[in-house]
Amino acid sequence: MKLAISGKGGVGKTTLAGVMARILDERGFRVLAIDADPDSNLGDAIGFSEEEMRCARPLSEMDDFIRERTGSTKGQYGTFFKLNPKVDDIPERFSLIKDNIKLVILGNITKGGGGCFCAENVLLKNLISYILIERDEYVIVDMEAGLEHLGRGTTEYIDSLIVVVEPGKRSIQTAKEIKRLAMDLGIKHLSIVGNKITDDEDIQLLKEHLDGFSYLGAIRYNENILKADKWGISPYDMDVNIRKEVAEIVDNLNRLRP
């Protein structure tokens, strides 16, 4: 199954992505987790140590590697470079590994220069395309709200775009904007997960305002999740309730799988 997870900044999508990876690992599945949000900390949410994360380097910052694969220097616009660089060895070569989970950190996609058309962006987008189309494992892509890493040729391989939503106006509005972007890209399967839920009224609010999405489940407001973030520990290792909640979300995903 290929999953992309998005949502407003700070809404809890990285928490969902990290715990989901651990649940799938616990069930014996191979997982390729892609950190495609420059501001996220997917490695922490999965449970990689501080020392392991210090050794990790985002692909977008590997200037020599970008030059080797594309024939162009990072950040240069208007130069000639390979549009289809070799990417199939990257998950094995540059991933952090924890049990059955591989983590690849993409880093920042440049938004300047009139349309993101530079060597590092082409490399990252080709990598995402390869992963979504060719890899035979669970793929979880932790994205920023803008969906910049996705292109039209790859979206048909996404089993679900999951939008994490808090019960509040700004978060709901962001989910609607993500839906608009997803429709433009041809993504057909949209789901929501409620986060920081305090009661059934919160869930009803999300369902009423986001009726174009499949509802997968909710993560209740939980002080232990805040503590896990503060201490750099995976919520999976901190609280049994979030494990149960995310396990139910995974089960619902499998039931809705097209």
Protein backbone atom coordinates (compact mmCIF):
# COMPACT_ATOMS: atom_id res chain seq x y z
CA MET A 1 0.00 0.00 0.00
CA LYS A 2 1.25 3.49 -0.89
CA LEU A 3 0.17 6.28 1.47
CA ALA A 4 0.80 10.03 1.48
CA ILE A 5 0.06 11.91 4.72
CA SER A 6 -0.51 15.65 4.73
CA GLY A 7 -2.11 18.39 6.81
CA LYS A 8 -1.59 21.80 8.35
CA GLY A 9 1.72 22.31 10.13
CA GLY A 10 1.68 21.05 13.71
CA VAL A 11 -1.50 19.04 13.23
CA GLY A 12 0.10 15.67 14.04
CA LYS A 13 0.69 14.09 10.63
CA THR A 14 4.26 13.12 11.54
CA THR A 15 2.99 11.44 14.71
CA LEU A 16 0.53 9.43 12.61
CA ALA A 17 3.16 8.53 10.01
CA GLY A 18 5.70 7.42 12.62
CA VAL A 19 3.31 5.32 14.70
CA MET A 20 1.77 3.82 11.57
CA ALA A 21 5.23 2.70 10.42
CA ARG A 22 5.82 1.02 13.79
CA ILE A 23 2.41 -0.72 13.72
CA LEU A 24 3.11 -2.13 10.26
CA ASP A 25 6.61 -3.19 11.35
CA GLU A 26 5.08 -4.90 14.40
CA ARG A 27 2.82 -6.85 12.02
CA GLY A 28 5.80 -8.06 10.01
CA PHE A 29 5.51 -5.77 6.97
CA ARG A 30 8.40 -4.02 5.27
CA VAL A 31 7.96 -0.24 5.41
CA LEU A 32 9.67 2.52 3.44
CA ALA A 33 9.07 5.82 5.27
CA ILE A 34 9.79 9.02 3.35
CA ASP A 35 10.29 12.28 5.23
CA ALA A 36 9.22 14.81 2.58
CA ASP A 37 8.44 17.68 4.95
CA PRO A 38 11.41 19.97 5.65
CA ASP A 39 9.93 20.88 9.05
CA SER A 40 9.00 17.39 10.23
CA ASN A 41 10.86 14.95 12.44
CA LEU A 42 9.70 11.61 11.14
CA GLY A 43 12.80 9.84 12.45
CA ASP A 44 11.96 10.86 16.02
CA ALA A 45 8.34 9.80 15.57
CA ILE A 46 9.45 6.37 14.36
CA GLY A 47 11.90 5.96 17.22
CA PHE A 48 15.38 6.50 15.79
CA SER A 49 17.88 7.67 18.37
CA GLU A 50 19.29 11.18 18.58
CA GLU A 51 22.69 9.86 17.53
CA GLU A 52 21.20 8.10 14.48
CA MET A 53 19.38 11.26 13.44
CA ARG A 54 22.57 13.32 13.73
CA CYS A 55 24.16 11.01 11.17
CA ALA A 56 21.24 11.36 8.75
CA ARG A 57 21.57 13.90 5.95
CA PRO A 58 18.71 15.04 3.71
CA LEU A 59 19.16 14.14 0.04
CA SER A 60 18.55 17.72 -1.04
CA GLU A 61 21.70 18.79 0.84
CA MET A 62 24.01 16.24 -0.84
CA ASP A 63 25.59 18.58 -3.39
CA ASP A 64 28.15 16.11 -4.76
CA PHE A 65 25.58 13.35 -5.11
CA ILE A 66 23.12 15.67 -6.88
CA ARG A 67 25.87 16.70 -9.31
CA GLU A 68 26.86 13.06 -9.88
CA ARG A 69 23.30 11.95 -10.69
CA THR A 70 21.98 14.97 -12.59
CA GLY A 71 25.09 16.53 -14.13
CA SER A 72 24.22 19.90 -12.60
CA THR A 73 25.00 21.83 -9.44
CA LYS A 74 22.34 22.18 -6.77
CA GLY A 75 20.35 25.41 -6.94
CA GLN A 76 21.28 26.32 -10.51
CA TYR A 77 18.41 27.27 -12.81
CA GLY A 78 18.47 27.37 -16.59
CA THR A 79 21.27 24.77 -16.91
CA PHE A 80 21.17 21.42 -18.68
CA PHE A 81 20.81 18.32 -16.49
CA LYS A 82 19.47 14.79 -16.67
CA LEU A 83 15.68 14.66 -16.42
CA ASN A 84 15.68 10.95 -15.50
CA PRO A 85 18.60 10.44 -13.10
CA LYS A 86 19.27 7.03 -11.56
CA VAL A 87 17.38 6.76 -8.26
CA ASP A 88 16.63 3.05 -7.69
CA ASP A 89 19.60 2.52 -5.36
CA ILE A 90 18.81 5.48 -3.07
CA PRO A 91 16.46 3.74 -0.56
CA GLU A 92 19.07 1.09 0.22
CA ARG A 93 22.06 3.40 0.04
CA PHE A 94 20.85 6.36 2.11
CA SER A 95 18.19 5.03 4.47
CA LEU A 96 18.25 4.70 8.23
CA ILE A 97 17.05 1.23 9.25
CA LYS A 98 15.06 0.15 12.29
CA ASP A 99 13.83 -3.46 12.18
CA ASN A 100 11.64 -3.66 9.02
CA ILE A 101 11.53 0.13 8.54
CA LYS A 102 13.71 2.12 6.14
CA LEU A 103 13.67 5.92 6.51
CA VAL A 104 14.75 8.24 3.69
CA ILE A 105 14.92 12.00 4.38
CA LEU A 106 14.34 14.13 1.28
CA GLY A 107 14.77 17.65 2.63
CA ASN A 108 13.52 20.85 1.07
CA ILE A 109 12.06 21.23 -2.41
CA THR A 110 13.03 24.68 -3.65
CA LYS A 111 10.05 26.91 -4.36
CA GLY A 112 11.90 29.85 -5.89
CA GLY A 113 13.32 30.33 -9.37
CA GLY A 114 10.05 30.32 -11.25
CA GLY A 115 8.68 26.84 -10.69
CA CYS A 116 10.94 24.43 -8.81
CA PHE A 117 12.74 23.28 -11.96
CA CYS A 118 16.25 22.59 -10.74
CA ALA A 119 18.49 19.56 -10.41
CA GLU A 120 17.72 18.63 -6.78
CA ASN A 121 13.96 18.88 -7.33
CA VAL A 122 14.11 16.67 -10.40
CA LEU A 123 16.12 14.10 -8.43
CA LEU A 124 13.65 14.08 -5.51
CA LYS A 125 10.57 13.91 -7.71
CA ASN A 126 12.05 11.06 -9.76
CA LEU A 127 12.79 9.24 -6.51
CA ILE A 128 9.20 9.65 -5.30
CA SER A 129 7.90 8.41 -8.66
CA TYR A 130 10.15 5.35 -8.51
CA ILE A 131 9.13 4.58 -4.93
CA LEU A 132 5.40 4.88 -5.57
CA ILE A 133 5.44 2.96 -8.86
CA GLU A 134 8.15 0.32 -8.44
CA ARG A 135 8.68 -0.51 -4.76
CA ASP A 136 6.94 -3.58 -3.38
CA GLU A 137 6.33 -2.67 0.27
CA TYR A 138 4.30 -0.33 2.42
CA VAL A 139 5.27 3.24 1.57
CA ILE A 140 4.42 6.13 3.90
CA VAL A 141 5.24 9.63 2.65
CA ASP A 142 5.10 12.34 5.33
CA MET A 143 4.39 15.48 3.28
CA GLU A 144 3.92 19.16 3.76
CA ALA A 145 0.49 20.55 2.93
CA GLY A 146 1.49 21.77 -0.52
CA LEU A 147 2.00 18.32 -2.15
CA GLU A 148 5.01 19.70 -4.06
CA HIS A 149 6.71 16.32 -4.26
CA LEU A 150 3.87 14.68 -6.17
CA GLY A 151 3.39 14.74 -9.95
CA ARG A 152 0.51 13.65 -12.14
CA GLY A 153 2.29 10.54 -13.38
CA THR A 154 2.58 9.06 -9.89
CA THR A 155 -0.69 9.90 -8.18
CA GLU A 156 -2.61 6.92 -9.60
CA TYR A 157 -0.33 4.69 -7.50
CA ILE A 158 -1.30 6.36 -4.21
CA ASP A 159 -3.81 4.16 -2.38
CA SER A 160 -4.84 7.02 -0.11
CA LEU A 161 -3.93 10.61 0.59
CA ILE A 162 -4.53 10.91 4.33
CA VAL A 163 -5.13 14.40 5.69
CA VAL A 164 -4.68 14.79 9.45
CA VAL A 165 -7.14 17.34 10.82
CA GLU A 166 -7.72 19.01 14.17
CA PRO A 167 -11.26 20.09 15.13
CA GLY A 168 -10.72 23.75 14.24
CA LYS A 169 -11.46 26.15 11.40
CA ARG A 170 -7.88 26.65 10.16
CA SER A 171 -7.11 22.94 10.09
CA ILE A 172 -10.38 22.16 8.29
CA GLN A 173 -9.70 24.94 5.78
CA THR A 174 -6.23 23.51 5.08
CA ALA A 175 -7.78 20.08 4.50
CA LYS A 176 -10.13 21.58 1.93
CA GLU A 177 -7.21 23.26 0.16
CA ILE A 178 -5.27 19.97 0.13
CA LYS A 179 -8.35 18.34 -1.39
CA ARG A 180 -8.38 20.95 -4.17
CA LEU A 181 -4.69 20.34 -4.92
CA ALA A 182 -5.24 16.57 -4.81
CA MET A 183 -8.14 16.79 -7.27
CA ASP A 184 -5.95 18.84 -9.64
CA LEU A 185 -3.34 16.09 -9.48
CA GLY A 186 -5.91 13.36 -10.09
CA ILE A 187 -5.70 11.77 -6.63
CA LYS A 188 -8.94 9.85 -6.21
CA HIS A 189 -8.79 8.39 -2.71
CA LEU A 190 -8.87 10.99 0.06
CA SER A 191 -9.12 10.15 3.75
CA ILE A 192 -9.07 12.06 7.02
CA VAL A 193 -7.80 11.22 10.47
CA GLY A 194 -8.89 13.40 13.37
CA ASN A 195 -6.20 14.37 15.87
CA LYS A 196 -6.33 16.01 19.32
CA ILE A 197 -9.93 14.85 19.60
CA THR A 198 -11.59 15.46 22.98
CA ASP A 199 -15.14 14.17 22.42
CA ASP A 200 -17.60 12.83 19.85
CA GLU A 201 -18.66 16.36 18.94
CA ASP A 202 -15.17 16.96 17.55
CA ILE A 203 -15.48 13.90 15.32
CA GLN A 204 -18.94 14.98 14.13
CA LEU A 205 -17.59 18.45 13.31
CA LEU A 206 -14.91 16.97 11.04
CA LYS A 207 -17.33 14.63 9.30
CA GLU A 208 -19.83 17.43 8.64
CA HIS A 209 -17.27 19.86 7.19
CA LEU A 210 -15.18 17.30 5.28
CA ASP A 211 -17.79 15.06 3.71
CA GLY A 212 -15.70 14.48 0.57
CA PHE A 213 -13.22 12.37 2.54
CA SER A 214 -13.33 8.82 3.89
CA TYR A 215 -13.12 8.88 7.69
CA LEU A 216 -10.44 6.51 9.01
CA GLY A 217 -10.50 7.20 12.75
CA ALA A 218 -9.25 9.51 15.45
CA ILE A 219 -6.32 10.06 17.78
CA ARG A 220 -7.57 11.41 21.10
CA TYR A 221 -5.91 14.32 22.86
CA ASN A 222 -3.11 12.74 24.86
CA GLU A 223 -0.56 14.42 27.12
CA ASN A 224 1.87 11.56 26.53
CA ILE A 225 2.09 12.49 22.84
CA LEU A 226 3.18 16.00 23.85
CA LYS A 227 5.74 14.54 26.25
CA ALA A 228 7.06 12.21 23.54
CA ASP A 229 7.62 15.19 21.24
CA LYS A 230 9.32 17.14 24.03
CA TRP A 231 11.69 14.27 24.82
CA GLY A 232 12.28 13.15 21.23
CA ILE A 233 10.70 9.73 21.81
CA SER A 234 8.33 7.92 19.49
CA PRO A 235 4.72 8.14 20.75
CA TYR A 236 4.55 4.41 19.95
CA ASP A 237 6.99 3.77 22.81
CA MET A 238 5.21 6.19 25.13
CA ASP A 239 1.55 5.24 25.21
CA VAL A 240 -0.49 2.10 24.50
CA ASN A 241 -3.61 4.10 23.60
CA ILE A 242 -2.10 5.70 20.52
CA ARG A 243 -0.92 2.28 19.38
CA LYS A 244 -4.49 1.01 19.59
CA GLU A 245 -5.90 4.07 17.82
CA VAL A 246 -3.43 3.93 14.94
CA ALA A 247 -3.84 0.15 14.62
CA GLU A 248 -7.57 0.76 14.10
CA ILE A 249 -6.77 3.40 11.46
CA VAL A 250 -4.54 0.90 9.63
CA ASP A 251 -7.32 -1.71 9.77
CA ASN A 252 -9.81 0.79 8.34
CA LEU A 253 -7.37 1.65 5.56
CA ASN A 254 -7.14 -2.00 4.57
CA ARG A 255 -10.94 -2.30 4.55
CA LEU A 256 -11.26 0.77 2.28
CA ARG A 257 -8.44 -0.28 -0.02
CA PRO A 258 -9.63 -0.05 -3.66
